[in-house]
Amino acid sequence: MNPELATVMEKAHECQQVCNMCFDACLKEDDVKMLVDCIQLDRECADICAMVATFASREGAVTTDLISLCATICQACGKECEKHTHMEHCQKCAEACFECARVCREYVA
């Protein structure tokens, strides 16, 4: 496996974990309704990151397409999470999402 693909796998796995933690923490906040978009994007981001890590390990035919989609979803999740400046879990999630999106975009380029 090439090193760039290994980095994508690593960052996708990290992002998946952080998104799941953010999702869980958001559900415990007082105003969950305010966080509906964040929670939904956390779930979608975690799912695509898990899929990317799995497909990248196989180096399948659609891996690059999934990595491109992952960059888009991670970027959207990061933008949503960074809005919640008063929530540390959202700030950590935004950082992980933006980093994963960056690595994915570099791989696809």
PDB file of N, CA and C in Angstrom:
ATOM      1  N   MET A   1       0.847  -1.182   0.000  1.00  0.00           N
ATOM      2  CA  MET A   1       0.000   0.000   0.000  1.00  0.00           C
ATOM      3  C   MET A   1       0.888   1.240   0.000  1.00  0.00           C
ATOM      4  N   ASN A   2       0.493   2.227  -0.810  1.00  0.00           N
ATOM      5  CA  ASN A   2       1.300   3.437  -0.858  1.00  0.00           C
ATOM      6  C   ASN A   2       1.083   4.273   0.411  1.00  0.00           C
ATOM      7  N   PRO A   3       2.093   5.055   0.790  1.00  0.00           N
ATOM      8  CA  PRO A   3       2.031   5.808   2.045  1.00  0.00           C
ATOM      9  C   PRO A   3       0.887   6.829   2.098  1.00  0.00           C
ATOM     10  N   GLU A   4       0.561   7.425   0.953  1.00  0.00           N
ATOM     11  CA  GLU A   4      -0.527   8.410   0.934  1.00  0.00           C
ATOM     12  C   GLU A   4      -1.864   7.751   1.264  1.00  0.00           C
ATOM     13  N   LEU A   5      -2.092   6.573   0.735  1.00  0.00           N
ATOM     14  CA  LEU A   5      -3.332   5.857   1.021  1.00  0.00           C
ATOM     15  C   LEU A   5      -3.372   5.418   2.481  1.00  0.00           C
ATOM     16  N   ALA A   6      -2.227   5.032   3.007  1.00  0.00           N
ATOM     17  CA  ALA A   6      -2.150   4.660   4.424  1.00  0.00           C
ATOM     18  C   ALA A   6      -2.491   5.862   5.312  1.00  0.00           C
ATOM     19  N   THR A   7      -2.048   7.042   4.924  1.00  0.00           N
ATOM     20  CA  THR A   7      -2.370   8.253   5.684  1.00  0.00           C
ATOM     21  C   THR A   7      -3.862   8.550   5.622  1.00  0.00           C
ATOM     22  N   VAL A   8      -4.465   8.375   4.463  1.00  0.00           N
ATOM     23  CA  VAL A   8      -5.919   8.566   4.336  1.00  0.00           C
ATOM     24  C   VAL A   8      -6.645   7.614   5.282  1.00  0.00           C
ATOM     25  N   MET A   9      -6.229   6.359   5.288  1.00  0.00           N
ATOM     26  CA  MET A   9      -6.858   5.375   6.181  1.00  0.00           C
ATOM     27  C   MET A   9      -6.737   5.797   7.636  1.00  0.00           C
ATOM     28  N   GLU A  10      -5.554   6.228   8.025  1.00  0.00           N
ATOM     29  CA  GLU A  10      -5.300   6.631   9.409  1.00  0.00           C
ATOM     30  C   GLU A  10      -6.163   7.833   9.803  1.00  0.00           C
ATOM     31  N   LYS A  11      -6.180   8.854   8.951  1.00  0.00           N
ATOM     32  CA  LYS A  11      -6.956  10.068   9.257  1.00  0.00           C
ATOM     33  C   LYS A  11      -8.464   9.785   9.226  1.00  0.00           C
ATOM     34  N   ALA A  12      -8.902   8.925   8.327  1.00  0.00           N
ATOM     35  CA  ALA A  12     -10.318   8.569   8.270  1.00  0.00           C
ATOM     36  C   ALA A  12     -10.735   7.829   9.539  1.00  0.00           C
ATOM     37  N   HIS A  13      -9.888   6.936   9.997  1.00  0.00           N
ATOM     38  CA  HIS A  13     -10.191   6.195  11.232  1.00  0.00           C
ATOM     39  C   HIS A  13     -10.241   7.146  12.432  1.00  0.00           C
ATOM     40  N   GLU A  14      -9.284   8.055  12.520  1.00  0.00           N
ATOM     41  CA  GLU A  14      -9.277   9.042  13.609  1.00  0.00           C
ATOM     42  C   GLU A  14     -10.529   9.910  13.553  1.00  0.00           C
ATOM     43  N   CYS A  15     -10.876  10.373  12.367  1.00  0.00           N
ATOM     44  CA  CYS A  15     -12.045  11.233  12.193  1.00  0.00           C
ATOM     45  C   CYS A  15     -13.320  10.487  12.580  1.00  0.00           C
ATOM     46  N   GLN A  16     -13.407   9.233  12.200  1.00  0.00           N
ATOM     47  CA  GLN A  16     -14.572   8.421  12.567  1.00  0.00           C
ATOM     48  C   GLN A  16     -14.745   8.394  14.086  1.00  0.00           C
ATOM     49  N   GLN A  17     -13.663   8.150  14.797  1.00  0.00           N
ATOM     50  CA  GLN A  17     -13.725   8.070  16.257  1.00  0.00           C
ATOM     51  C   GLN A  17     -14.140   9.398  16.876  1.00  0.00           C
ATOM     52  N   VAL A  18     -13.554  10.495  16.400  1.00  0.00           N
ATOM     53  CA  VAL A  18     -13.866  11.815  16.956  1.00  0.00           C
ATOM     54  C   VAL A  18     -15.312  12.203  16.636  1.00  0.00           C
ATOM     55  N   CYS A  19     -15.776  11.899  15.426  1.00  0.00           N
ATOM     56  CA  CYS A  19     -17.171  12.196  15.072  1.00  0.00           C
ATOM     57  C   CYS A  19     -18.144  11.411  15.952  1.00  0.00           C
ATOM     58  N   ASN A  20     -17.823  10.166  16.228  1.00  0.00           N
ATOM     59  CA  ASN A  20     -18.688   9.372  17.111  1.00  0.00           C
ATOM     60  C   ASN A  20     -18.706   9.947  18.522  1.00  0.00           C
ATOM     61  N   MET A  21     -17.569  10.415  19.007  1.00  0.00           N
ATOM     62  CA  MET A  21     -17.520  11.027  20.333  1.00  0.00           C
ATOM     63  C   MET A  21     -18.319  12.333  20.353  1.00  0.00           C
ATOM     64  N   CYS A  22     -18.211  13.122  19.292  1.00  0.00           N
ATOM     65  CA  CYS A  22     -18.949  14.380  19.197  1.00  0.00           C
ATOM     66  C   CYS A  22     -20.453  14.101  19.150  1.00  0.00           C
ATOM     67  N   PHE A  23     -20.836  13.136  18.354  1.00  0.00           N
ATOM     68  CA  PHE A  23     -22.235  12.715  18.244  1.00  0.00           C
ATOM     69  C   PHE A  23     -22.794  12.363  19.622  1.00  0.00           C
ATOM     70  N   ASP A  24     -22.072  11.543  20.362  1.00  0.00           N
ATOM     71  CA  ASP A  24     -22.513  11.137  21.702  1.00  0.00           C
ATOM     72  C   ASP A  24     -22.595  12.331  22.651  1.00  0.00           C
ATOM     73  N   ALA A  25     -21.590  13.201  22.601  1.00  0.00           N
ATOM     74  CA  ALA A  25     -21.573  14.373  23.481  1.00  0.00           C
ATOM     75  C   ALA A  25     -22.707  15.341  23.140  1.00  0.00           C
ATOM     76  N   CYS A  26     -22.983  15.528  21.856  1.00  0.00           N
ATOM     77  CA  CYS A  26     -24.081  16.419  21.439  1.00  0.00           C
ATOM     78  C   CYS A  26     -25.423  15.919  21.964  1.00  0.00           C
ATOM     79  N   LEU A  27     -25.610  14.616  21.973  1.00  0.00           N
ATOM     80  CA  LEU A  27     -26.864  14.054  22.470  1.00  0.00           C
ATOM     81  C   LEU A  27     -27.061  14.311  23.960  1.00  0.00           C
ATOM     82  N   LYS A  28     -25.987  14.599  24.675  1.00  0.00           N
ATOM     83  CA  LYS A  28     -26.055  14.841  26.119  1.00  0.00           C
ATOM     84  C   LYS A  28     -26.181  16.330  26.454  1.00  0.00           C
ATOM     85  N   GLU A  29     -26.130  17.189  25.438  1.00  0.00           N
ATOM     86  CA  GLU A  29     -26.247  18.631  25.665  1.00  0.00           C
ATOM     87  C   GLU A  29     -27.698  18.994  26.007  1.00  0.00           C
ATOM     88  N   ASP A  30     -27.855  20.127  26.682  1.00  0.00           N
ATOM     89  CA  ASP A  30     -29.190  20.577  27.099  1.00  0.00           C
ATOM     90  C   ASP A  30     -30.095  20.892  25.914  1.00  0.00           C
ATOM     91  N   ASP A  31     -29.560  21.566  24.902  1.00  0.00           N
ATOM     92  CA  ASP A  31     -30.366  21.983  23.748  1.00  0.00           C
ATOM     93  C   ASP A  31     -30.029  21.114  22.527  1.00  0.00           C
ATOM     94  N   VAL A  32     -30.510  19.887  22.563  1.00  0.00           N
ATOM     95  CA  VAL A  32     -30.213  18.937  21.487  1.00  0.00           C
ATOM     96  C   VAL A  32     -30.809  19.412  20.158  1.00  0.00           C
ATOM     97  N   LYS A  33     -31.963  20.078  20.209  1.00  0.00           N
ATOM     98  CA  LYS A  33     -32.590  20.552  18.964  1.00  0.00           C
ATOM     99  C   LYS A  33     -31.675  21.497  18.193  1.00  0.00           C
ATOM    100  N   MET A  34     -30.897  22.301  18.921  1.00  0.00           N
ATOM    101  CA  MET A  34     -29.976  23.228  18.272  1.00  0.00           C
ATOM    102  C   MET A  34     -28.861  22.472  17.537  1.00  0.00           C
ATOM    103  N   LEU A  35     -28.645  21.224  17.907  1.00  0.00           N
ATOM    104  CA  LEU A  35     -27.516  20.449  17.394  1.00  0.00           C
ATOM    105  C   LEU A  35     -27.913  19.374  16.378  1.00  0.00           C
ATOM    106  N   VAL A  36     -29.131  19.438  15.884  1.00  0.00           N
ATOM    107  CA  VAL A  36     -29.618  18.396  14.965  1.00  0.00           C
ATOM    108  C   VAL A  36     -28.721  18.267  13.740  1.00  0.00           C
ATOM    109  N   ASP A  37     -28.354  19.387  13.115  1.00  0.00           N
ATOM    110  CA  ASP A  37     -27.499  19.327  11.924  1.00  0.00           C
ATOM    111  C   ASP A  37     -26.123  18.764  12.261  1.00  0.00           C
ATOM    112  N   CYS A  38     -25.605  19.168  13.406  1.00  0.00           N
ATOM    113  CA  CYS A  38     -24.296  18.678  13.841  1.00  0.00           C
ATOM    114  C   CYS A  38     -24.332  17.162  14.062  1.00  0.00           C
ATOM    115  N   ILE A  39     -25.351  16.712  14.750  1.00  0.00           N
ATOM    116  CA  ILE A  39     -25.485  15.282  15.035  1.00  0.00           C
ATOM    117  C   ILE A  39     -25.606  14.480  13.742  1.00  0.00           C
ATOM    118  N   GLN A  40     -26.427  14.961  12.825  1.00  0.00           N
ATOM    119  CA  GLN A  40     -26.605  14.248  11.555  1.00  0.00           C
ATOM    120  C   GLN A  40     -25.293  14.190  10.777  1.00  0.00           C
ATOM    121  N   LEU A  41     -24.585  15.311  10.695  1.00  0.00           N
ATOM    122  CA  LEU A  41     -23.317  15.315   9.964  1.00  0.00           C
ATOM    123  C   LEU A  41     -22.257  14.477  10.657  1.00  0.00           C
ATOM    124  N   ASP A  42     -22.250  14.484  11.998  1.00  0.00           N
ATOM    125  CA  ASP A  42     -21.327  13.608  12.725  1.00  0.00           C
ATOM    126  C   ASP A  42     -21.540  12.155  12.319  1.00  0.00           C
ATOM    127  N   ARG A  43     -22.793  11.743  12.254  1.00  0.00           N
ATOM    128  CA  ARG A  43     -23.108  10.353  11.898  1.00  0.00           C
ATOM    129  C   ARG A  43     -22.687  10.046  10.468  1.00  0.00           C
ATOM    130  N   GLU A  44     -23.025  10.954   9.542  1.00  0.00           N
ATOM    131  CA  GLU A  44     -22.680  10.732   8.137  1.00  0.00           C
ATOM    132  C   GLU A  44     -21.165  10.717   7.936  1.00  0.00           C
ATOM    133  N   CYS A  45     -20.479  11.620   8.625  1.00  0.00           N
ATOM    134  CA  CYS A  45     -19.024  11.694   8.502  1.00  0.00           C
ATOM    135  C   CYS A  45     -18.372  10.429   9.063  1.00  0.00           C
ATOM    136  N   ALA A  46     -18.833  10.004  10.222  1.00  0.00           N
ATOM    137  CA  ALA A  46     -18.278   8.776  10.817  1.00  0.00           C
ATOM    138  C   ALA A  46     -18.491   7.589   9.882  1.00  0.00           C
ATOM    139  N   ASP A  47     -19.661   7.513   9.276  1.00  0.00           N
ATOM    140  CA  ASP A  47     -19.963   6.393   8.379  1.00  0.00           C
ATOM    141  C   ASP A  47     -19.083   6.399   7.128  1.00  0.00           C
ATOM    142  N   ILE A  48     -18.931   7.566   6.484  1.00  0.00           N
ATOM    143  CA  ILE A  48     -18.120   7.604   5.262  1.00  0.00           C
ATOM    144  C   ILE A  48     -16.650   7.368   5.605  1.00  0.00           C
ATOM    145  N   CYS A  49     -16.208   7.853   6.753  1.00  0.00           N
ATOM    146  CA  CYS A  49     -14.814   7.615   7.156  1.00  0.00           C
ATOM    147  C   CYS A  49     -14.560   6.125   7.385  1.00  0.00           C
ATOM    148  N   ALA A  50     -15.508   5.443   7.999  1.00  0.00           N
ATOM    149  CA  ALA A  50     -15.369   3.998   8.206  1.00  0.00           C
ATOM    150  C   ALA A  50     -15.319   3.269   6.864  1.00  0.00           C
ATOM    151  N   MET A  51     -16.167   3.706   5.943  1.00  0.00           N
ATOM    152  CA  MET A  51     -16.205   3.081   4.622  1.00  0.00           C
ATOM    153  C   MET A  51     -14.892   3.323   3.875  1.00  0.00           C
ATOM    154  N   VAL A  52     -14.372   4.531   3.959  1.00  0.00           N
ATOM    155  CA  VAL A  52     -13.109   4.855   3.290  1.00  0.00           C
ATOM    156  C   VAL A  52     -11.975   3.993   3.853  1.00  0.00           C
ATOM    157  N   ALA A  53     -11.913   3.865   5.165  1.00  0.00           N
ATOM    158  CA  ALA A  53     -10.853   3.053   5.771  1.00  0.00           C
ATOM    159  C   ALA A  53     -10.944   1.606   5.292  1.00  0.00           C
ATOM    160  N   THR A  54     -12.148   1.091   5.202  1.00  0.00           N
ATOM    161  CA  THR A  54     -12.339  -0.293   4.746  1.00  0.00           C
ATOM    162  C   THR A  54     -11.959  -0.452   3.277  1.00  0.00           C
ATOM    163  N   PHE A  55     -12.476   0.411   2.415  1.00  0.00           N
ATOM    164  CA  PHE A  55     -12.194   0.297   0.986  1.00  0.00           C
ATOM    165  C   PHE A  55     -10.720   0.567   0.684  1.00  0.00           C
ATOM    166  N   ALA A  56     -10.126   1.506   1.395  1.00  0.00           N
ATOM    167  CA  ALA A  56      -8.707   1.811   1.167  1.00  0.00           C
ATOM    168  C   ALA A  56      -7.836   0.615   1.518  1.00  0.00           C
ATOM    169  N   SER A  57      -8.222  -0.117   2.541  1.00  0.00           N
ATOM    170  CA  SER A  57      -7.426  -1.295   2.915  1.00  0.00           C
ATOM    171  C   SER A  57      -7.458  -2.354   1.822  1.00  0.00           C
ATOM    172  N   ARG A  58      -8.510  -2.351   1.026  1.00  0.00           N
ATOM    173  CA  ARG A  58      -8.628  -3.298  -0.094  1.00  0.00           C
ATOM    174  C   ARG A  58      -8.083  -2.728  -1.390  1.00  0.00           C
ATOM    175  N   GLU A  59      -7.879  -1.408  -1.404  1.00  0.00           N
ATOM    176  CA  GLU A  59      -7.476  -0.693  -2.613  1.00  0.00           C
ATOM    177  C   GLU A  59      -8.425  -1.009  -3.763  1.00  0.00           C
ATOM    178  N   GLY A  60      -9.723  -0.915  -3.464  1.00  0.00           N
ATOM    179  CA  GLY A  60     -10.768  -1.231  -4.437  1.00  0.00           C
ATOM    180  C   GLY A  60     -10.891  -0.199  -5.539  1.00  0.00           C
ATOM    181  N   ALA A  61     -11.659  -0.554  -6.548  1.00  0.00           N
ATOM    182  CA  ALA A  61     -11.806   0.263  -7.753  1.00  0.00           C
ATOM    183  C   ALA A  61     -12.469   1.618  -7.482  1.00  0.00           C
ATOM    184  N   VAL A  62     -13.338   1.706  -6.490  1.00  0.00           N
ATOM    185  CA  VAL A  62     -14.049   2.961  -6.219  1.00  0.00           C
ATOM    186  C   VAL A  62     -13.451   3.741  -5.054  1.00  0.00           C
ATOM    187  N   THR A  63     -12.292   3.317  -4.594  1.00  0.00           N
ATOM    188  CA  THR A  63     -11.677   3.956  -3.426  1.00  0.00           C
ATOM    189  C   THR A  63     -11.484   5.452  -3.629  1.00  0.00           C
ATOM    190  N   THR A  64     -10.976   5.866  -4.763  1.00  0.00           N
ATOM    191  CA  THR A  64     -10.729   7.289  -5.008  1.00  0.00           C
ATOM    192  C   THR A  64     -12.033   8.081  -5.006  1.00  0.00           C
ATOM    193  N   ASP A  65     -13.088   7.519  -5.567  1.00  0.00           N
ATOM    194  CA  ASP A  65     -14.389   8.190  -5.556  1.00  0.00           C
ATOM    195  C   ASP A  65     -14.897   8.364  -4.118  1.00  0.00           C
ATOM    196  N   LEU A  66     -14.745   7.332  -3.314  1.00  0.00           N
ATOM    197  CA  LEU A  66     -15.170   7.421  -1.912  1.00  0.00           C
ATOM    198  C   LEU A  66     -14.328   8.435  -1.138  1.00  0.00           C
ATOM    199  N   ILE A  67     -13.051   8.488  -1.417  1.00  0.00           N
ATOM    200  CA  ILE A  67     -12.174   9.447  -0.742  1.00  0.00           C
ATOM    201  C   ILE A  67     -12.574  10.870  -1.109  1.00  0.00           C
ATOM    202  N   SER A  68     -12.934  11.082  -2.349  1.00  0.00           N
ATOM    203  CA  SER A  68     -13.397  12.402  -2.776  1.00  0.00           C
ATOM    204  C   SER A  68     -14.689  12.790  -2.043  1.00  0.00           C
ATOM    205  N   LEU A  69     -15.623  11.859  -1.953  1.00  0.00           N
ATOM    206  CA  LEU A  69     -16.868  12.100  -1.224  1.00  0.00           C
ATOM    207  C   LEU A  69     -16.587  12.336   0.262  1.00  0.00           C
ATOM    208  N   CYS A  70     -15.650  11.598   0.807  1.00  0.00           N
ATOM    209  CA  CYS A  70     -15.262  11.751   2.207  1.00  0.00           C
ATOM    210  C   CYS A  70     -14.761  13.174   2.467  1.00  0.00           C
ATOM    211  N   ALA A  71     -13.963  13.700   1.565  1.00  0.00           N
ATOM    212  CA  ALA A  71     -13.461  15.071   1.718  1.00  0.00           C
ATOM    213  C   ALA A  71     -14.616  16.060   1.795  1.00  0.00           C
ATOM    214  N   THR A  72     -15.617  15.871   0.956  1.00  0.00           N
ATOM    215  CA  THR A  72     -16.780  16.764   0.928  1.00  0.00           C
ATOM    216  C   THR A  72     -17.567  16.690   2.236  1.00  0.00           C
ATOM    217  N   ILE A  73     -17.822  15.480   2.704  1.00  0.00           N
ATOM    218  CA  ILE A  73     -18.610  15.300   3.925  1.00  0.00           C
ATOM    219  C   ILE A  73     -17.821  15.770   5.149  1.00  0.00           C
ATOM    220  N   CYS A  74     -16.541  15.463   5.207  1.00  0.00           N
ATOM    221  CA  CYS A  74     -15.718  15.922   6.332  1.00  0.00           C
ATOM    222  C   CYS A  74     -15.675  17.443   6.384  1.00  0.00           C
ATOM    223  N   GLN A  75     -15.560  18.079   5.247  1.00  0.00           N
ATOM    224  CA  GLN A  75     -15.530  19.543   5.198  1.00  0.00           C
ATOM    225  C   GLN A  75     -16.851  20.113   5.729  1.00  0.00           C
ATOM    226  N   ALA A  76     -17.974  19.536   5.311  1.00  0.00           N
ATOM    227  CA  ALA A  76     -19.286  20.000   5.767  1.00  0.00           C
ATOM    228  C   ALA A  76     -19.450  19.794   7.266  1.00  0.00           C
ATOM    229  N   CYS A  77     -19.014  18.655   7.771  1.00  0.00           N
ATOM    230  CA  CYS A  77     -19.112  18.364   9.196  1.00  0.00           C
ATOM    231  C   CYS A  77     -18.233  19.323   9.992  1.00  0.00           C
ATOM    232  N   GLY A  78     -17.041  19.552   9.512  1.00  0.00           N
ATOM    233  CA  GLY A  78     -16.136  20.485  10.181  1.00  0.00           C
ATOM    234  C   GLY A  78     -16.714  21.889  10.256  1.00  0.00           C
ATOM    235  N   LYS A  79     -17.321  22.343   9.166  1.00  0.00           N
ATOM    236  CA  LYS A  79     -17.926  23.680   9.152  1.00  0.00           C
ATOM    237  C   LYS A  79     -19.077  23.777  10.137  1.00  0.00           C
ATOM    238  N   GLU A  80     -19.867  22.731  10.236  1.00  0.00           N
ATOM    239  CA  GLU A  80     -20.980  22.737  11.181  1.00  0.00           C
ATOM    240  C   GLU A  80     -20.455  22.719  12.619  1.00  0.00           C
ATOM    241  N   CYS A  81     -19.510  21.851  12.897  1.00  0.00           N
ATOM    242  CA  CYS A  81     -18.985  21.737  14.261  1.00  0.00           C
ATOM    243  C   CYS A  81     -18.284  23.012  14.721  1.00  0.00           C
ATOM    244  N   GLU A  82     -17.574  23.674  13.819  1.00  0.00           N
ATOM    245  CA  GLU A  82     -16.840  24.862  14.244  1.00  0.00           C
ATOM    246  C   GLU A  82     -17.771  26.010  14.637  1.00  0.00           C
ATOM    247  N   LYS A  83     -19.030  25.942  14.265  1.00  0.00           N
ATOM    248  CA  LYS A  83     -20.011  26.961  14.675  1.00  0.00           C
ATOM    249  C   LYS A  83     -20.243  26.936  16.185  1.00  0.00           C
ATOM    250  N   HIS A  84     -20.036  25.790  16.798  1.00  0.00           N
ATOM    251  CA  HIS A  84     -20.342  25.605  18.215  1.00  0.00           C
ATOM    252  C   HIS A  84     -19.079  25.849  19.041  1.00  0.00           C
ATOM    253  N   THR A  85     -18.669  27.111  19.081  1.00  0.00           N
ATOM    254  CA  THR A  85     -17.399  27.485  19.703  1.00  0.00           C
ATOM    255  C   THR A  85     -17.363  27.219  21.204  1.00  0.00           C
ATOM    256  N   HIS A  86     -18.510  27.122  21.819  1.00  0.00           N
ATOM    257  CA  HIS A  86     -18.564  26.897  23.267  1.00  0.00           C
ATOM    258  C   HIS A  86     -18.521  25.416  23.650  1.00  0.00           C
ATOM    259  N   MET A  87     -18.432  24.558  22.668  1.00  0.00           N
ATOM    260  CA  MET A  87     -18.414  23.120  22.929  1.00  0.00           C
ATOM    261  C   MET A  87     -17.073  22.534  22.487  1.00  0.00           C
ATOM    262  N   GLU A  88     -16.301  22.093  23.462  1.00  0.00           N
ATOM    263  CA  GLU A  88     -14.963  21.571  23.171  1.00  0.00           C
ATOM    264  C   GLU A  88     -15.028  20.351  22.245  1.00  0.00           C
ATOM    265  N   HIS A  89     -16.015  19.491  22.446  1.00  0.00           N
ATOM    266  CA  HIS A  89     -16.107  18.289  21.598  1.00  0.00           C
ATOM    267  C   HIS A  89     -16.346  18.659  20.143  1.00  0.00           C
ATOM    268  N   CYS A  90     -17.115  19.714  19.906  1.00  0.00           N
ATOM    269  CA  CYS A  90     -17.344  20.143  18.523  1.00  0.00           C
ATOM    270  C   CYS A  90     -16.080  20.755  17.913  1.00  0.00           C
ATOM    271  N   GLN A  91     -15.317  21.467  18.713  1.00  0.00           N
ATOM    272  CA  GLN A  91     -14.077  22.061  18.214  1.00  0.00           C
ATOM    273  C   GLN A  91     -13.065  20.977  17.851  1.00  0.00           C
ATOM    274  N   LYS A  92     -12.959  19.949  18.680  1.00  0.00           N
ATOM    275  CA  LYS A  92     -12.066  18.822  18.376  1.00  0.00           C
ATOM    276  C   LYS A  92     -12.524  18.098  17.117  1.00  0.00           C
ATOM    277  N   CYS A  93     -13.827  17.958  16.974  1.00  0.00           N
ATOM    278  CA  CYS A  93     -14.376  17.291  15.796  1.00  0.00           C
ATOM    279  C   CYS A  93     -14.080  18.098  14.536  1.00  0.00           C
ATOM    280  N   ALA A  94     -14.264  19.407  14.614  1.00  0.00           N
ATOM    281  CA  ALA A  94     -13.978  20.261  13.464  1.00  0.00           C
ATOM    282  C   ALA A  94     -12.525  20.090  13.020  1.00  0.00           C
ATOM    283  N   GLU A  95     -11.603  20.085  13.974  1.00  0.00           N
ATOM    284  CA  GLU A  95     -10.181  19.916  13.650  1.00  0.00           C
ATOM    285  C   GLU A  95      -9.926  18.588  12.941  1.00  0.00           C
ATOM    286  N   ALA A  96     -10.491  17.514  13.483  1.00  0.00           N
ATOM    287  CA  ALA A  96     -10.290  16.186  12.883  1.00  0.00           C
ATOM    288  C   ALA A  96     -10.909  16.114  11.493  1.00  0.00           C
ATOM    289  N   CYS A  97     -12.078  16.705  11.343  1.00  0.00           N
ATOM    290  CA  CYS A  97     -12.757  16.688  10.037  1.00  0.00           C
ATOM    291  C   CYS A  97     -11.982  17.467   8.994  1.00  0.00           C
ATOM    292  N   PHE A  98     -11.524  18.661   9.361  1.00  0.00           N
ATOM    293  CA  PHE A  98     -10.762  19.460   8.404  1.00  0.00           C
ATOM    294  C   PHE A  98      -9.455  18.781   8.020  1.00  0.00           C
ATOM    295  N   GLU A  99      -8.813  18.115   8.972  1.00  0.00           N
ATOM    296  CA  GLU A  99      -7.568  17.403   8.678  1.00  0.00           C
ATOM    297  C   GLU A  99      -7.834  16.218   7.741  1.00  0.00           C
ATOM    298  N   CYS A 100      -8.888  15.475   8.011  1.00  0.00           N
ATOM    299  CA  CYS A 100      -9.231  14.343   7.146  1.00  0.00           C
ATOM    300  C   CYS A 100      -9.584  14.836   5.746  1.00  0.00           C
ATOM    301  N   ALA A 101     -10.366  15.908   5.666  1.00  0.00           N
ATOM    302  CA  ALA A 101     -10.735  16.469   4.357  1.00  0.00           C
ATOM    303  C   ALA A 101      -9.490  16.886   3.583  1.00  0.00           C
ATOM    304  N   ARG A 102      -8.537  17.510   4.268  1.00  0.00           N
ATOM    305  CA  ARG A 102      -7.304  17.958   3.616  1.00  0.00           C
ATOM    306  C   ARG A 102      -6.526  16.775   3.047  1.00  0.00           C
ATOM    307  N   VAL A 103      -6.347  15.738   3.871  1.00  0.00           N
ATOM    308  CA  VAL A 103      -5.603  14.560   3.430  1.00  0.00           C
ATOM    309  C   VAL A 103      -6.318  13.875   2.257  1.00  0.00           C
ATOM    310  N   CYS A 104      -7.639  13.808   2.326  1.00  0.00           N
ATOM    311  CA  CYS A 104      -8.403  13.188   1.233  1.00  0.00           C
ATOM    312  C   CYS A 104      -8.264  13.986  -0.062  1.00  0.00           C
ATOM    313  N   ARG A 105      -8.370  15.310   0.043  1.00  0.00           N
ATOM    314  CA  ARG A 105      -8.235  16.146  -1.167  1.00  0.00           C
ATOM    315  C   ARG A 105      -6.843  15.981  -1.774  1.00  0.00           C
ATOM    316  N   GLU A 106      -5.818  15.937  -0.918  1.00  0.00           N
ATOM    317  CA  GLU A 106      -4.441  15.770  -1.436  1.00  0.00           C
ATOM    318  C   GLU A 106      -4.291  14.420  -2.131  1.00  0.00           C
ATOM    319  N   TYR A 107      -4.914  13.402  -1.591  1.00  0.00           N
ATOM    320  CA  TYR A 107      -4.811  12.068  -2.214  1.00  0.00           C
ATOM    321  C   TYR A 107      -5.475  12.064  -3.594  1.00  0.00           C
ATOM    322  N   VAL A 108      -6.642  12.672  -3.680  1.00  0.00           N
ATOM    323  CA  VAL A 108      -7.404  12.662  -4.936  1.00  0.00           C
ATOM    324  C   VAL A 108      -6.732  13.527  -6.001  1.00  0.00           C
ATOM    325  N   ALA A 109      -6.032  14.574  -5.572  1.00  0.00           N
ATOM    326  CA  ALA A 109      -5.427  15.536  -6.525  1.00  0.00           C
ATOM    327  C   ALA A 109      -4.342  14.935  -7.386  1.00  0.00           C
TER     328      ALA A 109
END
